[in-house]
Each structure stands twice: as structure tokens, then as C-alpha cells.
Amino acid sequence: MNMVDIIQKKKEGKALSPEEIKWFIEGYVKGDIPDYQASALLMAVCLKGMDEEETFCLTDAMRYSGDTIDLSPIKGVKVDKHSTGGVGDKTTLIVAPLAAACGVPVAKMSGRGLGFTGGTVDKLESIPGFRTSLKPEDFLSQVNNIGISVIGQTAHITPADKKLYALRDVTATVDSFGLIASSIMSKKLAAGSDAIVLDVKVGDGAFMENRHDAAALARLMVKIGNKAGRRTVAAITEMGQPLGNAVGNSIEVIEAIETLKGKGPEDITRLAVKLSGIMVYLGGKAASPEAGAAMTEKALKDGSGLAKFREFVEAQGGNPDVITDYGLFPQHSLKMELKAEESGYIHKIEARRIGLASQHTGAGRATKEDTIDLSAGIFVCKKTGDRVQKDQTLAIFYGNDSAKLKNALNEAAKAFVIEKEPAEKPELIKEIIGLNEQ
């Protein structure tokens, strides 16, 4: 086999064999195949596509390109949850303790964020003392003891994906269903859970901006997961406006805690109950997703989800007193407010602009080397469909650099569309895929 023949074959729209895909991945990880040839193949894939069998094979090759996690020492059915990313998406901080409180073991590896805000790992590190790196034996032991652990992704998981993703980012080859699906699912399968719940975002704040594309990607990932022997379910959910009210790092953790106290925003509370209910069902603790949702709603109301979060924080070295004293989180020194210039109804809050604004506050990274300001962020005071009066506060900006906050405010001002006529609230959960598939 040689790379020129493989590139030519895909350029002609022909399907690559499992052997050719495996040979390419192994050679690229070793450094035997240069970036310019890998880039040519990626572009051919983007232009000609991959069939399902090719996508399965690529996922498998990337999954085994590095270490895989063995979660078999953990008792019970391990269920993972993954979001394709969005603005204000702190659902892992809520659904993981809710599912664990209902008896489902959650052994999760999460990444850091590049873009609007930090990832789950960055958010957790805003809790004083919280450790996102554990020895493998301590990680497994913690899940067996308290039912939950969330750590940073190790450098040795799916190295092929890391190399290819970096290349795709600079060669305009990100937008391929097969490449996206294999990237996400190779990491999820390597992480070792028995079942996977995918939260596939759709809207201007998500990678997939229309529902048809989001559903197609979700179906493909569900097929990949099921073919690999992992029961997989995907939810298509709204990301046309920020999820919840908080967009940042420490302020998102605070909103997650408020939600676990039963005082969170309606949208993220509803989504968290739905997703964790599916996790409970896939974990064999409920006879149906609806019964699972009833269990997680009870865990929300009786405080057992919050108690599990406290136990989780304490087990990983964090100060559990943050649950009652938000002053223990990193603190901002500056605050600015965006006021409505007219009265009316909010017809749209562009999630992407709010995300960019949050990055301007210092809450996100533009490059991997950037340092995140864990205290920075935006609190969006209104939602799509809400009535607003002139001079009423639309959003509050937190940070430690006045120039950054002014830039953030100017960006966010473009996100709010206010009209005189009433507006409908968007549908949050649009579709569930894979519940009836084995």
C-alpha cells in the first residue's frame, strides 16, 4: 500500500478498505505519513464522503491508536454522556451526579475548552483544590465507592484523533459527517463505558446549524456506538440561544449547583432531568427513560443529587463548602451591564455571539496557550420569548479587564433581537434517536 494510491482512490469516490484505513492511521500516528498527504486524503474525504463501513473502520482505527480504558473493575453498567458543545452547556455537572445518585456509575473523562469558554475540566478547576487528574486505580476506586468521577482526558487516548483534528482545523476539512462522527465516537469508545448518551446540539451556537444535519450526525454516531457493542442514544437539543443563564466557568458551576438545589433555569433543569433519565434507563436502573426521568427528578427534589455532587467534589480534593459559599470561587473585580434600548419581546439571542462575547471577557481560549480567567463570564438575564422593558438589564458581564468587558458588551449587544410582537419560546428537546435500537 502507498499513500498516493489511497488518495487517488478516495479522490475518485471509491470506498477505502479496512486495511487501507488502518494502514493510514497507524502510519500517520507513527509519523511515517506526512501532513501534506494526510491533508490531501482529508480533503478527498470531505469532497467525496465516506460510507458507513468506512466510517466504522476509521472510528475503530482511531479508537485503538492509543490507550483504551478498561472500566470492568467498576461494578454495574457504566454510562457516559457527551455533548457536541454549546454556549452555557454545563449539563455534565448536573446529569452526572443525578445519574450517580440513582445508582448508575459515571466514570467520565472530559476535555478542556478551546473557544467560547472552558470545558468541563476547566469549570471543575474553578472549585478550590479540585483535582482533575487521578491515578487510574484511584479513578476506578472512587467510582466504585461513590459512583462518580470526572477527570481530564489523558494524552494517550486516541492520539490519531488529536493529530487529525489539529490538521482538519487548519485545512478546512472539519465539516464532514464521517470525520466528525469518528472523532467523537473514537474517544467515547476508548473511554470504556458500556452505554453512551449523546447530546447533539443544533442552532447558530452549535456546529450543526440545522436540524436535518444534526439528526444525520446523531444517527451515524448511534450506529457506530451500537455496532461497537455500546448501547447509544442521542438527543437533538436546541442551541440557538445560550443554555441556562450563565456562560463562563465558575459562574456555570454556580448555576449547576443552583440547579441541583432545585433553583436552576427551567431549560437546563428540564434537559438535565431528561438526559440523566436516559442514563438511568441505559444503566438498568429504570424500566423506561420516563421512569428514569422520574427517578432523577426525585433526586433533584430530595437533595440526593446535590449530596452526590458534594461527595464527588470532596473525593477529588475540592472544597465542598462552595456549595453554600459562592464567595470561595475565583472572584471578578469588574462588572458591566447591557441594557435594552427599546421595549418589546426577545425574538432571538444569538448563541454564537454570546459565546464570542464570553471569550472576550477572558472566559475562553483563542489558542491552547491562553490562560482562562475562571471568574469571567456573562449572566444572560433574559431568554427568547421574554418580554423586556426599555433600560432593563439584558446581560451582566464579569471579569478583571475593562477593555475586554467593553468588547464583550459590544459583541453581545448584537446578539439580542427585540421586536414589538410576541415571540414563541424555542423547542428545547427536538428528537431522541436510538431508544428503540439495539
Protein backbone atom coordinates (compact mmCIF):
# COMPACT_ATOMS: atom_id res chain seq x y z
CA MET A 1 0.00 0.00 0.00
CA ASN A 2 1.10 3.57 -0.58
CA MET A 3 -0.46 6.90 0.28
CA VAL A 4 -0.68 8.24 -3.27
CA ASP A 5 -2.84 5.27 -4.36
CA ILE A 6 -5.11 5.70 -1.32
CA ILE A 7 -5.56 9.44 -2.01
CA GLN A 8 -6.26 8.73 -5.69
CA LYS A 9 -8.80 6.05 -4.80
CA LYS A 10 -10.74 8.35 -2.50
CA LYS A 11 -10.44 11.24 -4.99
CA GLU A 12 -12.28 9.01 -7.47
CA GLY A 13 -15.04 8.45 -4.91
CA LYS A 14 -14.21 4.82 -4.21
CA ALA A 15 -14.53 3.26 -0.77
CA LEU A 16 -11.32 2.56 1.13
CA SER A 17 -10.82 -0.93 2.54
CA PRO A 18 -10.46 -1.55 6.31
CA GLU A 19 -6.82 -2.47 5.70
CA GLU A 20 -6.13 0.81 3.88
CA ILE A 21 -7.77 2.88 6.64
CA LYS A 22 -5.88 1.05 9.38
CA TRP A 23 -2.61 1.38 7.47
CA PHE A 24 -3.14 5.14 7.06
CA ILE A 25 -3.97 5.73 10.75
CA GLU A 26 -1.02 3.65 12.00
CA GLY A 27 1.39 5.33 9.60
CA TYR A 28 0.18 8.83 10.41
CA VAL A 29 0.45 8.32 14.18
CA LYS A 30 3.98 6.94 13.78
CA GLY A 31 4.99 9.93 11.65
CA ASP A 32 5.62 7.86 8.52
CA ILE A 33 2.92 9.73 6.58
CA PRO A 34 3.47 13.49 6.24
CA ASP A 35 0.83 16.12 6.98
CA TYR A 36 0.53 17.14 3.32
CA GLN A 37 -0.56 13.63 2.28
CA ALA A 38 -2.92 13.30 5.26
CA SER A 39 -4.40 16.72 4.34
CA ALA A 40 -4.96 15.57 0.76
CA LEU A 41 -6.82 12.49 1.96
CA LEU A 42 -8.93 14.52 4.39
CA MET A 43 -9.93 16.90 1.61
CA ALA A 44 -10.82 13.97 -0.65
CA VAL A 45 -12.98 12.55 2.17
CA CYS A 46 -14.70 15.92 2.62
CA LEU A 47 -15.45 16.19 -1.09
CA LYS A 48 -16.36 12.56 -1.82
CA GLY A 49 -17.61 11.39 1.58
CA MET A 50 -17.31 8.05 3.34
CA ASP A 51 -19.86 5.26 3.51
CA GLU A 52 -20.90 3.82 6.88
CA GLU A 53 -18.47 0.92 6.71
CA GLU A 54 -15.55 3.29 6.08
CA THR A 55 -16.68 5.46 8.99
CA PHE A 56 -16.92 2.42 11.29
CA CYS A 57 -13.41 1.35 10.27
CA LEU A 58 -11.95 4.83 10.73
CA THR A 59 -13.54 5.10 14.18
CA ASP A 60 -12.13 1.71 15.14
CA ALA A 61 -8.63 2.53 13.87
CA MET A 62 -8.56 5.81 15.81
CA ARG A 63 -10.05 4.17 18.91
CA TYR A 64 -7.16 1.70 19.08
CA SER A 65 -4.44 4.17 18.02
CA GLY A 66 -3.51 4.66 21.68
CA ASP A 67 -4.58 3.57 25.14
CA THR A 68 -8.10 2.35 25.87
CA ILE A 69 -9.66 2.47 29.32
CA ASP A 70 -10.78 -0.75 31.00
CA LEU A 71 -13.70 0.04 33.31
CA SER A 72 -14.51 -3.63 34.02
CA PRO A 73 -13.33 -3.35 37.65
CA ILE A 74 -16.23 -0.94 38.23
CA LYS A 75 -19.42 -2.68 39.28
CA GLY A 76 -22.59 -2.07 37.26
CA VAL A 77 -23.40 -0.67 33.81
CA LYS A 78 -21.22 2.38 33.22
CA VAL A 79 -22.95 5.16 31.26
CA ASP A 80 -21.16 8.10 29.67
CA LYS A 81 -22.64 11.36 28.42
CA HIS A 82 -21.20 13.59 25.70
CA SER A 83 -22.28 16.95 24.30
CA THR A 84 -21.21 18.20 20.89
CA GLY A 85 -20.67 21.58 22.55
CA GLY A 86 -22.57 24.77 23.05
CA VAL A 87 -22.81 28.07 24.89
CA GLY A 88 -23.58 27.76 28.59
CA ASP A 89 -23.60 23.96 28.42
CA LYS A 90 -22.83 22.83 31.95
CA THR A 91 -25.11 19.77 31.85
CA THR A 92 -22.38 17.26 32.78
CA LEU A 93 -22.07 18.96 36.17
CA ILE A 94 -25.76 18.26 36.76
CA VAL A 95 -26.55 14.99 34.97
CA ALA A 96 -23.51 13.08 36.28
CA PRO A 97 -24.37 13.49 40.00
CA LEU A 98 -28.09 12.94 39.30
CA ALA A 99 -27.40 9.67 37.48
CA ALA A 100 -24.91 8.58 40.16
CA ALA A 101 -27.45 9.39 42.88
CA CYS A 102 -29.80 6.93 41.15
CA GLY A 103 -27.21 4.15 41.22
CA VAL A 104 -25.61 4.50 37.77
CA PRO A 105 -21.78 4.53 37.87
CA VAL A 106 -20.37 7.51 35.96
CA ALA A 107 -16.66 7.25 35.11
CA LYS A 108 -16.08 10.20 32.81
CA MET A 109 -13.13 11.76 31.05
CA SER A 110 -13.66 15.33 29.86
CA GLY A 111 -11.60 17.83 27.92
CA ARG A 112 -10.59 21.42 28.19
CA GLY A 113 -12.29 24.06 26.09
CA LEU A 114 -10.90 25.92 23.11
CA GLY A 115 -13.19 28.75 22.13
CA PHE A 116 -16.13 30.30 23.93
CA THR A 117 -15.46 29.07 27.48
CA GLY A 118 -13.50 26.38 29.26
CA GLY A 119 -14.51 22.74 29.07
CA THR A 120 -15.90 20.67 31.94
CA VAL A 121 -12.37 20.18 33.34
CA ASP A 122 -11.74 23.94 33.40
CA LYS A 123 -15.07 24.56 35.08
CA LEU A 124 -14.35 22.00 37.78
CA GLU A 125 -10.94 23.55 38.40
CA SER A 126 -12.66 26.77 39.47
CA ILE A 127 -13.55 24.83 42.65
CA PRO A 128 -10.64 25.44 45.09
CA GLY A 129 -8.48 22.33 45.44
CA PHE A 130 -10.37 20.21 42.89
CA ARG A 131 -8.10 17.65 41.21
CA THR A 132 -8.91 16.67 37.62
CA SER A 133 -6.00 14.25 37.40
CA LEU A 134 -6.17 10.97 39.31
CA LYS A 135 -4.16 7.76 39.20
CA PRO A 136 -6.08 5.09 37.24
CA GLU A 137 -6.55 2.93 40.33
CA ASP A 138 -7.87 5.92 42.32
CA PHE A 139 -10.24 6.84 39.48
CA LEU A 140 -11.71 3.31 39.42
CA SER A 141 -11.83 3.07 43.20
CA GLN A 142 -13.68 6.38 43.53
CA VAL A 143 -16.39 5.31 41.08
CA ASN A 144 -16.81 2.02 42.96
CA ASN A 145 -17.01 3.86 46.28
CA ILE A 146 -19.23 6.85 45.49
CA GLY A 147 -20.46 6.18 41.94
CA ILE A 148 -18.88 9.13 40.15
CA SER A 149 -15.57 10.59 38.99
CA VAL A 150 -14.75 13.14 36.29
CA ILE A 151 -11.14 13.59 35.20
CA GLY A 152 -9.19 15.19 32.37
CA GLN A 153 -8.59 13.19 29.23
CA THR A 154 -5.15 11.53 29.16
CA ALA A 155 -2.68 12.35 26.39
CA HIS A 156 -2.53 8.70 25.32
CA ILE A 157 -6.22 8.32 24.38
CA THR A 158 -6.86 8.37 20.59
CA PRO A 159 -3.64 10.14 19.51
CA ALA A 160 -4.75 9.70 15.88
CA ASP A 161 -7.78 11.87 16.55
CA LYS A 162 -5.67 14.59 18.19
CA LYS A 163 -3.34 14.74 15.19
CA LEU A 164 -6.12 14.62 12.61
CA TYR A 165 -8.30 17.15 14.42
CA ALA A 166 -5.45 19.67 14.56
CA LEU A 167 -4.89 19.14 10.84
CA ARG A 168 -8.60 19.42 9.96
CA ASP A 169 -8.81 22.71 11.85
CA VAL A 170 -6.24 24.37 9.55
CA THR A 171 -7.17 22.71 6.25
CA ALA A 172 -10.93 23.49 6.10
CA THR A 173 -11.78 19.81 6.47
CA VAL A 174 -13.79 19.93 9.71
CA ASP A 175 -17.27 19.74 8.15
CA SER A 176 -17.52 16.07 7.18
CA PHE A 177 -20.10 13.88 8.92
CA GLY A 178 -17.84 10.85 8.79
CA LEU A 179 -14.84 12.70 10.21
CA ILE A 180 -16.90 14.37 12.93
CA ALA A 181 -18.63 11.13 13.96
CA SER A 182 -15.43 9.08 14.01
CA SER A 183 -13.63 11.79 16.01
CA ILE A 184 -16.30 11.89 18.72
CA MET A 185 -17.04 8.19 18.88
CA SER A 186 -13.42 7.00 18.84
CA LYS A 187 -12.87 8.93 22.10
CA LYS A 188 -16.12 7.74 23.65
CA LEU A 189 -15.44 4.08 22.80
CA ALA A 190 -11.84 4.29 24.01
CA ALA A 191 -13.11 5.67 27.33
CA GLY A 192 -14.68 2.31 28.11
CA SER A 193 -18.27 2.95 29.23
CA ASP A 194 -20.96 0.35 28.48
CA ALA A 195 -23.53 2.86 27.19
CA ILE A 196 -23.38 6.39 25.80
CA VAL A 197 -25.85 9.28 25.80
CA LEU A 198 -25.08 11.92 23.16
CA ASP A 199 -26.41 15.47 23.38
CA VAL A 200 -26.22 16.73 19.78
CA LYS A 201 -26.70 20.50 19.68
CA VAL A 202 -28.39 22.31 16.80
CA GLY A 203 -28.58 26.04 16.11
CA ASP A 204 -26.31 29.01 15.46
CA GLY A 205 -24.34 28.28 18.64
CA ALA A 206 -23.65 24.69 17.58
CA PHE A 207 -21.52 23.09 14.89
CA MET A 208 -24.66 21.74 13.22
CA GLU A 209 -26.87 24.72 12.46
CA ASN A 210 -29.87 22.87 11.01
CA ARG A 211 -31.89 20.01 12.38
CA HIS A 212 -31.53 17.76 9.33
CA ASP A 213 -27.72 17.75 9.61
CA ALA A 214 -27.80 17.33 13.40
CA ALA A 215 -30.13 14.33 13.10
CA ALA A 216 -27.97 12.76 10.35
CA LEU A 217 -24.85 13.11 12.51
CA ALA A 218 -26.71 11.72 15.55
CA ARG A 219 -27.96 8.67 13.63
CA LEU A 220 -24.47 7.94 12.34
CA MET A 221 -22.95 8.14 15.84
CA VAL A 222 -25.70 5.94 17.27
CA LYS A 223 -24.96 3.33 14.59
CA ILE A 224 -21.23 3.47 15.34
CA GLY A 225 -21.81 3.03 19.07
CA ASN A 226 -24.27 0.17 18.68
CA LYS A 227 -22.04 -1.60 16.15
CA ALA A 228 -19.20 -1.41 18.67
CA GLY A 229 -21.40 -3.06 21.31
CA ARG A 230 -22.16 0.13 23.25
CA ARG A 231 -25.85 0.95 23.65
CA THR A 232 -26.03 4.51 22.29
CA VAL A 233 -28.83 7.10 22.38
CA ALA A 234 -28.73 10.66 21.02
CA ALA A 235 -30.86 13.69 21.86
CA ILE A 236 -31.14 16.59 19.40
CA THR A 237 -31.31 19.75 21.52
CA GLU A 238 -31.60 23.49 20.96
CA MET A 239 -28.52 25.72 20.84
CA GLY A 240 -29.98 28.78 19.13
CA GLN A 241 -29.61 30.65 22.41
CA PRO A 242 -27.38 30.05 25.47
CA LEU A 243 -28.36 27.13 27.67
CA GLY A 244 -29.37 28.37 31.10
CA ASN A 245 -28.27 31.89 32.04
CA ALA A 246 -24.59 31.56 32.97
CA VAL A 247 -21.80 31.48 30.37
CA GLY A 248 -18.30 31.16 31.77
CA ASN A 249 -16.54 28.84 34.19
CA SER A 250 -17.11 29.46 37.90
CA ILE A 251 -20.49 31.08 37.19
CA GLU A 252 -21.55 27.95 35.29
CA VAL A 253 -20.55 25.76 38.24
CA ILE A 254 -22.61 28.03 40.49
CA GLU A 255 -25.60 27.68 38.14
CA ALA A 256 -25.15 23.89 38.15
CA ILE A 257 -25.20 23.92 41.96
CA GLU A 258 -28.30 26.12 41.95
CA THR A 259 -29.94 23.66 39.57
CA LEU A 260 -29.09 20.75 41.87
CA LYS A 261 -30.71 22.79 44.66
CA GLY A 262 -33.88 22.92 42.54
CA LYS A 263 -33.45 26.63 41.77
CA GLY A 264 -31.90 26.48 38.31
CA PRO A 265 -33.19 27.85 34.99
CA GLU A 266 -36.14 25.96 33.54
CA ASP A 267 -34.40 24.94 30.30
CA ILE A 268 -31.27 23.38 31.76
CA THR A 269 -33.25 21.73 34.56
CA ARG A 270 -35.56 20.07 32.04
CA LEU A 271 -32.68 18.97 29.83
CA ALA A 272 -30.67 17.59 32.75
CA VAL A 273 -33.62 15.54 34.02
CA LYS A 274 -34.25 14.15 30.52
CA LEU A 275 -30.62 13.23 29.78
CA SER A 276 -29.91 11.78 33.22
CA GLY A 277 -33.19 9.85 32.99
CA ILE A 278 -31.96 8.20 29.78
CA MET A 279 -28.67 7.41 31.55
CA VAL A 280 -30.56 5.75 34.40
CA TYR A 281 -32.57 3.72 31.89
CA LEU A 282 -29.48 2.60 29.94
CA GLY A 283 -27.81 1.78 33.24
CA GLY A 284 -30.56 -0.72 34.00
CA LYS A 285 -31.94 1.16 37.00
CA ALA A 286 -35.28 2.06 35.39
CA ALA A 287 -37.70 0.24 33.10
CA SER A 288 -38.03 3.18 30.69
CA PRO A 289 -36.50 6.61 30.04
CA GLU A 290 -39.64 8.15 31.54
CA ALA A 291 -39.21 6.13 34.73
CA GLY A 292 -35.54 7.15 34.76
CA ALA A 293 -36.51 10.82 34.45
CA ALA A 294 -38.93 10.41 37.37
CA MET A 295 -36.08 9.00 39.45
CA THR A 296 -33.68 11.83 38.58
CA GLU A 297 -36.37 14.44 39.20
CA LYS A 298 -36.85 12.92 42.65
CA ALA A 299 -33.06 13.06 43.21
CA LEU A 300 -33.24 16.74 42.31
CA LYS A 301 -36.11 17.45 44.68
CA ASP A 302 -34.96 15.42 47.68
CA GLY A 303 -31.39 16.77 47.54
CA SER A 304 -29.66 13.45 46.86
CA GLY A 305 -28.23 14.78 43.57
CA LEU A 306 -26.73 17.77 45.40
CA ALA A 307 -25.39 15.46 48.13
CA LYS A 308 -23.73 13.33 45.46
CA PHE A 309 -22.14 16.44 43.93
CA ARG A 310 -20.75 17.38 47.36
CA GLU A 311 -19.39 13.86 47.83
CA PHE A 312 -17.82 13.99 44.35
CA VAL A 313 -16.15 17.37 44.95
CA GLU A 314 -14.78 16.29 48.32
CA ALA A 315 -13.46 12.98 46.94
CA GLN A 316 -11.40 14.86 44.33
CA GLY A 317 -9.88 17.30 46.79
CA GLY A 318 -12.25 20.21 46.19
CA ASN A 319 -13.68 22.39 48.93
CA PRO A 320 -17.30 21.23 49.34
CA ASP A 321 -18.17 24.49 51.13
CA VAL A 322 -18.50 26.14 47.70
CA ILE A 323 -21.99 24.66 47.68
CA THR A 324 -23.08 27.09 50.38
CA ASP A 325 -20.50 29.87 49.98
CA TYR A 326 -20.07 31.06 46.38
CA GLY A 327 -17.50 33.59 47.64
CA LEU A 328 -14.99 30.73 47.69
CA PHE A 329 -14.93 30.68 43.88
CA PRO A 330 -12.48 32.91 41.95
CA GLN A 331 -13.83 36.46 42.17
CA HIS A 332 -14.12 39.14 39.49
CA SER A 333 -13.23 42.77 40.16
CA LEU A 334 -15.32 44.39 37.43
CA LYS A 335 -18.93 44.23 36.31
CA MET A 336 -20.80 45.82 33.39
CA GLU A 337 -24.45 45.64 32.31
CA LEU A 338 -26.08 45.63 28.89
CA LYS A 339 -29.42 47.49 28.86
CA ALA A 340 -32.30 47.13 26.41
CA GLU A 341 -32.58 50.09 24.05
CA GLU A 342 -36.30 49.51 23.49
CA SER A 343 -39.28 47.67 24.93
CA GLY A 344 -40.68 44.56 23.28
CA TYR A 345 -40.19 40.82 23.08
CA ILE A 346 -36.93 38.97 22.61
CA HIS A 347 -37.16 37.13 19.29
CA LYS A 348 -33.60 35.86 19.26
CA ILE A 349 -30.44 35.66 21.35
CA GLU A 350 -27.65 34.56 19.02
CA ALA A 351 -25.75 31.94 20.99
CA ARG A 352 -22.62 32.25 18.84
CA ARG A 353 -22.32 35.99 19.54
CA ILE A 354 -22.84 35.43 23.27
CA GLY A 355 -20.16 32.74 23.09
CA LEU A 356 -17.72 35.10 21.38
CA ALA A 357 -18.56 37.77 23.94
CA SER A 358 -17.80 35.36 26.78
CA GLN A 359 -14.43 34.62 25.17
CA HIS A 360 -13.77 38.38 25.07
CA THR A 361 -14.34 38.59 28.86
CA GLY A 362 -11.46 36.14 29.34
CA ALA A 363 -13.64 33.08 29.98
CA GLY A 364 -12.38 31.20 26.90
CA ARG A 365 -9.23 30.43 24.95
CA ALA A 366 -8.43 31.64 21.45
CA THR A 367 -5.32 29.43 21.43
CA LYS A 368 -4.28 26.42 23.52
CA GLU A 369 -1.68 28.58 25.26
CA ASP A 370 -4.19 31.16 26.54
CA THR A 371 -4.93 31.34 30.25
CA ILE A 372 -8.60 31.32 31.22
CA ASP A 373 -9.98 33.80 33.74
CA LEU A 374 -12.15 31.43 35.78
CA SER A 375 -14.08 34.34 37.34
CA ALA A 376 -15.03 35.89 34.00
CA GLY A 377 -18.24 35.33 32.07
CA ILE A 378 -21.71 36.54 31.22
CA PHE A 379 -25.03 36.16 33.00
CA VAL A 380 -27.83 36.37 30.41
CA CYS A 381 -30.84 37.75 32.24
CA LYS A 382 -33.49 37.13 29.59
CA LYS A 383 -34.47 34.26 27.26
CA THR A 384 -36.04 34.12 23.81
CA GLY A 385 -39.77 34.85 24.10
CA ASP A 386 -39.42 37.02 27.22
CA ARG A 387 -40.96 40.48 27.50
CA VAL A 388 -38.40 43.25 28.12
CA GLN A 389 -38.74 46.92 29.05
CA LYS A 390 -36.50 49.74 27.81
CA ASP A 391 -33.39 50.11 30.02
CA GLN A 392 -33.98 46.69 31.60
CA THR A 393 -30.79 44.63 32.04
CA LEU A 394 -30.29 42.04 29.28
CA ALA A 395 -26.94 40.66 30.42
CA ILE A 396 -24.27 41.20 33.09
CA PHE A 397 -20.56 40.89 32.26
CA TYR A 398 -17.93 39.83 34.80
CA GLY A 399 -14.15 39.97 34.56
CA ASN A 400 -10.95 41.75 35.52
CA ASP A 401 -10.13 43.77 32.41
CA SER A 402 -12.33 46.75 31.49
CA ALA A 403 -11.27 46.76 27.82
CA LYS A 404 -12.16 43.08 27.50
CA LEU A 405 -15.54 43.65 29.15
CA LYS A 406 -16.34 46.55 26.81
CA ASN A 407 -15.51 44.39 23.80
CA ALA A 408 -17.70 41.63 25.23
CA LEU A 409 -20.60 44.02 25.82
CA ASN A 410 -20.38 45.42 22.27
CA GLU A 411 -20.36 41.89 20.80
CA ALA A 412 -23.27 40.69 22.95
CA ALA A 413 -25.37 43.77 22.09
CA LYS A 414 -25.61 42.42 18.52
CA ALA A 415 -26.96 39.08 19.78
CA PHE A 416 -30.31 40.36 21.09
CA VAL A 417 -33.12 40.84 18.57
CA ILE A 418 -36.09 42.69 20.11
CA GLU A 419 -39.39 43.13 18.25
CA LYS A 420 -42.77 44.61 19.18
CA GLU A 421 -44.70 41.39 18.51
CA PRO A 422 -44.66 38.44 20.96
CA ALA A 423 -42.27 35.59 20.20
CA GLU A 424 -42.51 31.87 20.86
CA LYS A 425 -40.02 30.09 23.07
CA PRO A 426 -37.92 27.60 21.07
CA GLU A 427 -38.42 23.86 21.45
CA LEU A 428 -35.59 22.60 23.68
CA ILE A 429 -35.54 18.83 23.06
CA LYS A 430 -36.30 18.24 19.40
CA GLU A 431 -35.80 14.50 18.93
CA ILE A 432 -34.47 11.38 20.66
CA ILE A 433 -32.66 8.88 18.42
CA GLY A 434 -31.72 5.30 19.22
CA LEU A 435 -34.05 4.39 22.09
CA ASN A 436 -35.61 1.56 20.08
CA GLU A 437 -32.36 0.33 18.55
CA GLN A 438 -30.20 -2.43 19.92
